[in-house]
Amino acid sequence: MGLMIPVRVTVAVGRKNVALEDVQNQKVVSALRQASRDVGMSLANAKCPVHDKGPTNVRLHFDSAGAGDLKYDSCCEKLGEMIAKLV
């Protein structure tokens, strides 16, 4: 497996957000873990053309409908533009 950025995953369960580790349904856990790996591998190649830094504090949140929302910290908007092309 190539380089990968760690991705923290949370899931909406009812009215609260829980960490992926606390989700009981293993089918859901397995699917979302794969999604987070895919995102982590895509982002491993993202480097800001100005600062030569990648994203940090990467978070992926899935709502109750299963839609993913990616959040991360970046050095500037150039990195954000680079990430938008990758994911």
N, C-alpha and C. Protein backbone atom coordinates (compact mmCIF):
# COMPACT_ATOMS: atom_id res chain seq x y z
N MET A 1 0.85 -1.19 0.00
CA MET A 1 0.00 0.00 0.00
C MET A 1 0.88 1.23 0.00
N GLY A 2 0.53 2.23 -0.82
CA GLY A 2 1.32 3.45 -0.92
C GLY A 2 1.12 4.36 0.28
N LEU A 3 1.62 5.55 0.15
CA LEU A 3 1.46 6.54 1.20
C LEU A 3 0.00 6.86 1.43
N MET A 4 -0.31 7.19 2.69
CA MET A 4 -1.69 7.51 3.01
C MET A 4 -1.70 8.53 4.13
N ILE A 5 -2.58 9.49 4.04
CA ILE A 5 -2.76 10.47 5.11
C ILE A 5 -3.83 9.92 6.05
N PRO A 6 -3.61 10.02 7.37
CA PRO A 6 -4.65 9.55 8.29
C PRO A 6 -5.91 10.40 8.17
N VAL A 7 -7.05 9.73 8.14
CA VAL A 7 -8.33 10.41 8.01
C VAL A 7 -9.21 10.00 9.19
N ARG A 8 -9.66 10.98 9.97
CA ARG A 8 -10.56 10.70 11.09
C ARG A 8 -11.99 10.68 10.55
N VAL A 9 -12.71 9.59 10.84
CA VAL A 9 -14.05 9.42 10.29
C VAL A 9 -15.09 9.50 11.41
N THR A 10 -16.13 10.30 11.18
CA THR A 10 -17.28 10.33 12.08
C THR A 10 -18.54 10.04 11.26
N VAL A 11 -19.55 9.54 11.95
CA VAL A 11 -20.79 9.14 11.30
C VAL A 11 -21.97 9.68 12.10
N ALA A 12 -22.99 10.17 11.41
CA ALA A 12 -24.21 10.61 12.08
C ALA A 12 -25.03 9.37 12.42
N VAL A 13 -25.30 9.20 13.71
CA VAL A 13 -26.15 8.09 14.16
C VAL A 13 -27.26 8.74 14.98
N GLY A 14 -28.47 8.73 14.43
CA GLY A 14 -29.55 9.46 15.09
C GLY A 14 -29.21 10.93 15.11
N ARG A 15 -29.22 11.52 16.30
CA ARG A 15 -28.93 12.95 16.40
C ARG A 15 -27.51 13.25 16.82
N LYS A 16 -26.68 12.21 16.96
CA LYS A 16 -25.32 12.50 17.39
C LYS A 16 -24.30 11.98 16.38
N ASN A 17 -23.12 12.53 16.46
CA ASN A 17 -22.01 12.09 15.60
C ASN A 17 -21.12 11.18 16.43
N VAL A 18 -20.78 10.04 15.87
CA VAL A 18 -19.92 9.10 16.59
C VAL A 18 -18.69 8.77 15.74
N ALA A 19 -17.62 8.41 16.42
CA ALA A 19 -16.41 7.99 15.73
C ALA A 19 -16.68 6.65 15.06
N LEU A 20 -16.00 6.41 13.96
CA LEU A 20 -16.20 5.17 13.22
C LEU A 20 -15.97 3.94 14.11
N GLU A 21 -15.02 4.06 15.04
CA GLU A 21 -14.71 2.94 15.93
C GLU A 21 -15.91 2.56 16.81
N ASP A 22 -16.85 3.50 17.02
CA ASP A 22 -17.99 3.24 17.89
C ASP A 22 -19.23 2.78 17.14
N VAL A 23 -19.14 2.66 15.82
CA VAL A 23 -20.28 2.19 15.03
C VAL A 23 -20.37 0.67 15.17
N GLN A 24 -21.57 0.18 15.44
CA GLN A 24 -21.76 -1.25 15.69
C GLN A 24 -21.85 -2.08 14.41
N ASN A 25 -22.45 -1.53 13.36
CA ASN A 25 -22.69 -2.28 12.13
C ASN A 25 -21.38 -2.44 11.34
N GLN A 26 -20.85 -3.66 11.32
CA GLN A 26 -19.54 -3.90 10.70
C GLN A 26 -19.55 -3.69 9.18
N LYS A 27 -20.70 -3.88 8.53
CA LYS A 27 -20.77 -3.61 7.09
C LYS A 27 -20.56 -2.12 6.84
N VAL A 28 -21.18 -1.31 7.67
CA VAL A 28 -21.03 0.15 7.54
C VAL A 28 -19.59 0.53 7.83
N VAL A 29 -19.03 -0.01 8.91
CA VAL A 29 -17.65 0.30 9.29
C VAL A 29 -16.70 -0.04 8.15
N SER A 30 -16.87 -1.22 7.59
CA SER A 30 -15.97 -1.67 6.53
C SER A 30 -16.07 -0.77 5.29
N ALA A 31 -17.28 -0.41 4.90
CA ALA A 31 -17.46 0.45 3.72
C ALA A 31 -16.86 1.84 3.96
N LEU A 32 -17.09 2.40 5.14
CA LEU A 32 -16.59 3.75 5.42
C LEU A 32 -15.08 3.74 5.63
N ARG A 33 -14.56 2.66 6.18
CA ARG A 33 -13.10 2.55 6.34
C ARG A 33 -12.44 2.53 4.97
N GLN A 34 -13.05 1.82 4.04
CA GLN A 34 -12.50 1.78 2.67
C GLN A 34 -12.57 3.17 2.04
N ALA A 35 -13.66 3.87 2.24
CA ALA A 35 -13.79 5.24 1.70
C ALA A 35 -12.72 6.14 2.29
N SER A 36 -12.45 6.00 3.60
CA SER A 36 -11.44 6.86 4.23
C SER A 36 -10.05 6.51 3.72
N ARG A 37 -9.80 5.22 3.45
CA ARG A 37 -8.51 4.82 2.88
C ARG A 37 -8.33 5.43 1.49
N ASP A 38 -9.39 5.37 0.68
CA ASP A 38 -9.32 5.94 -0.67
C ASP A 38 -9.00 7.43 -0.61
N VAL A 39 -9.68 8.14 0.29
CA VAL A 39 -9.44 9.58 0.44
C VAL A 39 -8.02 9.82 0.93
N GLY A 40 -7.59 9.04 1.93
CA GLY A 40 -6.24 9.19 2.48
C GLY A 40 -5.16 8.97 1.43
N MET A 41 -5.39 7.99 0.55
CA MET A 41 -4.40 7.73 -0.50
C MET A 41 -4.42 8.83 -1.56
N SER A 42 -5.60 9.34 -1.89
CA SER A 42 -5.69 10.45 -2.85
C SER A 42 -4.98 11.69 -2.32
N LEU A 43 -5.20 11.97 -1.04
CA LEU A 43 -4.63 13.19 -0.44
C LEU A 43 -3.13 13.08 -0.18
N ALA A 44 -2.61 11.86 -0.16
CA ALA A 44 -1.17 11.68 0.09
C ALA A 44 -0.34 12.39 -0.99
N ASN A 45 -0.91 12.54 -2.18
CA ASN A 45 -0.20 13.18 -3.27
C ASN A 45 -0.47 14.68 -3.37
N ALA A 46 -1.34 15.19 -2.51
CA ALA A 46 -1.69 16.61 -2.57
C ALA A 46 -0.63 17.44 -1.86
N LYS A 47 0.02 18.28 -2.62
CA LYS A 47 1.03 19.19 -2.06
C LYS A 47 0.75 20.58 -2.59
N CYS A 48 0.79 21.55 -1.71
CA CYS A 48 0.58 22.93 -2.10
C CYS A 48 1.69 23.38 -3.05
N PRO A 49 1.35 23.96 -4.20
CA PRO A 49 2.39 24.40 -5.14
C PRO A 49 3.20 25.59 -4.60
N VAL A 50 2.65 26.28 -3.61
CA VAL A 50 3.34 27.45 -3.04
C VAL A 50 4.20 27.06 -1.84
N HIS A 51 3.61 26.29 -0.90
CA HIS A 51 4.29 25.98 0.36
C HIS A 51 4.84 24.56 0.46
N ASP A 52 4.54 23.71 -0.53
CA ASP A 52 4.98 22.32 -0.54
C ASP A 52 4.53 21.56 0.70
N LYS A 53 3.32 21.86 1.17
CA LYS A 53 2.74 21.16 2.33
C LYS A 53 1.47 20.46 1.89
N GLY A 54 1.14 19.39 2.62
CA GLY A 54 -0.10 18.68 2.36
C GLY A 54 -1.15 19.06 3.39
N PRO A 55 -2.36 18.52 3.25
CA PRO A 55 -3.42 18.82 4.21
C PRO A 55 -3.14 18.17 5.56
N THR A 56 -3.65 18.77 6.62
CA THR A 56 -3.51 18.20 7.96
C THR A 56 -4.89 18.12 8.60
N ASN A 57 -4.99 17.37 9.69
CA ASN A 57 -6.23 17.24 10.45
C ASN A 57 -7.40 16.90 9.51
N VAL A 58 -7.21 15.85 8.70
CA VAL A 58 -8.22 15.48 7.71
C VAL A 58 -9.38 14.75 8.39
N ARG A 59 -10.59 15.22 8.11
CA ARG A 59 -11.80 14.64 8.71
C ARG A 59 -12.80 14.32 7.61
N LEU A 60 -13.45 13.19 7.75
CA LEU A 60 -14.48 12.77 6.80
C LEU A 60 -15.72 12.44 7.63
N HIS A 61 -16.80 13.17 7.38
CA HIS A 61 -18.04 12.94 8.13
C HIS A 61 -19.11 12.43 7.18
N PHE A 62 -19.78 11.36 7.59
CA PHE A 62 -20.88 10.81 6.79
C PHE A 62 -22.19 11.10 7.50
N ASP A 63 -23.13 11.71 6.76
CA ASP A 63 -24.43 11.98 7.36
C ASP A 63 -25.29 10.72 7.31
N SER A 64 -26.52 10.83 7.84
CA SER A 64 -27.37 9.65 7.94
C SER A 64 -27.76 9.09 6.58
N ALA A 65 -27.63 9.90 5.52
CA ALA A 65 -27.93 9.41 4.17
C ALA A 65 -26.71 8.78 3.51
N GLY A 66 -25.56 8.84 4.21
CA GLY A 66 -24.35 8.24 3.67
C GLY A 66 -23.50 9.19 2.84
N ALA A 67 -23.90 10.46 2.78
CA ALA A 67 -23.10 11.44 2.02
C ALA A 67 -21.88 11.85 2.83
N GLY A 68 -20.74 11.90 2.17
CA GLY A 68 -19.50 12.25 2.85
C GLY A 68 -19.17 13.73 2.73
N ASP A 69 -18.64 14.29 3.79
CA ASP A 69 -18.21 15.69 3.81
C ASP A 69 -16.76 15.72 4.27
N LEU A 70 -15.87 16.17 3.39
CA LEU A 70 -14.44 16.19 3.68
C LEU A 70 -14.03 17.55 4.22
N LYS A 71 -13.32 17.54 5.35
CA LYS A 71 -12.79 18.77 5.92
C LYS A 71 -11.31 18.54 6.22
N TYR A 72 -10.52 19.60 6.18
CA TYR A 72 -9.10 19.49 6.45
C TYR A 72 -8.55 20.87 6.71
N ASP A 73 -7.36 20.93 7.27
CA ASP A 73 -6.67 22.20 7.45
C ASP A 73 -5.64 22.32 6.33
N SER A 74 -5.51 23.52 5.78
CA SER A 74 -4.54 23.72 4.71
C SER A 74 -3.79 25.03 4.91
N CYS A 75 -2.65 25.13 4.28
CA CYS A 75 -1.81 26.32 4.42
C CYS A 75 -2.41 27.51 3.68
N CYS A 76 -3.08 27.26 2.55
CA CYS A 76 -3.67 28.35 1.78
C CYS A 76 -4.69 27.78 0.80
N GLU A 77 -5.36 28.64 0.06
CA GLU A 77 -6.40 28.15 -0.84
C GLU A 77 -5.86 27.42 -2.06
N LYS A 78 -4.58 27.59 -2.37
CA LYS A 78 -3.98 26.84 -3.49
C LYS A 78 -4.01 25.34 -3.21
N LEU A 79 -3.76 24.97 -1.96
CA LEU A 79 -3.83 23.56 -1.59
C LEU A 79 -5.27 23.07 -1.73
N GLY A 80 -6.23 23.89 -1.31
CA GLY A 80 -7.64 23.53 -1.47
C GLY A 80 -8.01 23.28 -2.91
N GLU A 81 -7.48 24.12 -3.81
CA GLU A 81 -7.77 23.94 -5.24
C GLU A 81 -7.17 22.62 -5.75
N MET A 82 -5.97 22.29 -5.26
CA MET A 82 -5.31 21.05 -5.65
C MET A 82 -6.13 19.84 -5.17
N ILE A 83 -6.61 19.91 -3.93
CA ILE A 83 -7.39 18.81 -3.35
C ILE A 83 -8.71 18.63 -4.09
N ALA A 84 -9.34 19.73 -4.47
CA ALA A 84 -10.61 19.66 -5.19
C ALA A 84 -10.46 18.87 -6.49
N LYS A 85 -9.28 18.92 -7.11
CA LYS A 85 -9.05 18.17 -8.34
C LYS A 85 -8.82 16.69 -8.07
N LEU A 86 -8.36 16.36 -6.87
CA LEU A 86 -7.99 14.98 -6.55
C LEU A 86 -9.16 14.14 -6.05
N VAL A 87 -10.07 14.75 -5.31
CA VAL A 87 -11.14 13.94 -4.70
C VAL A 87 -12.49 14.19 -5.32
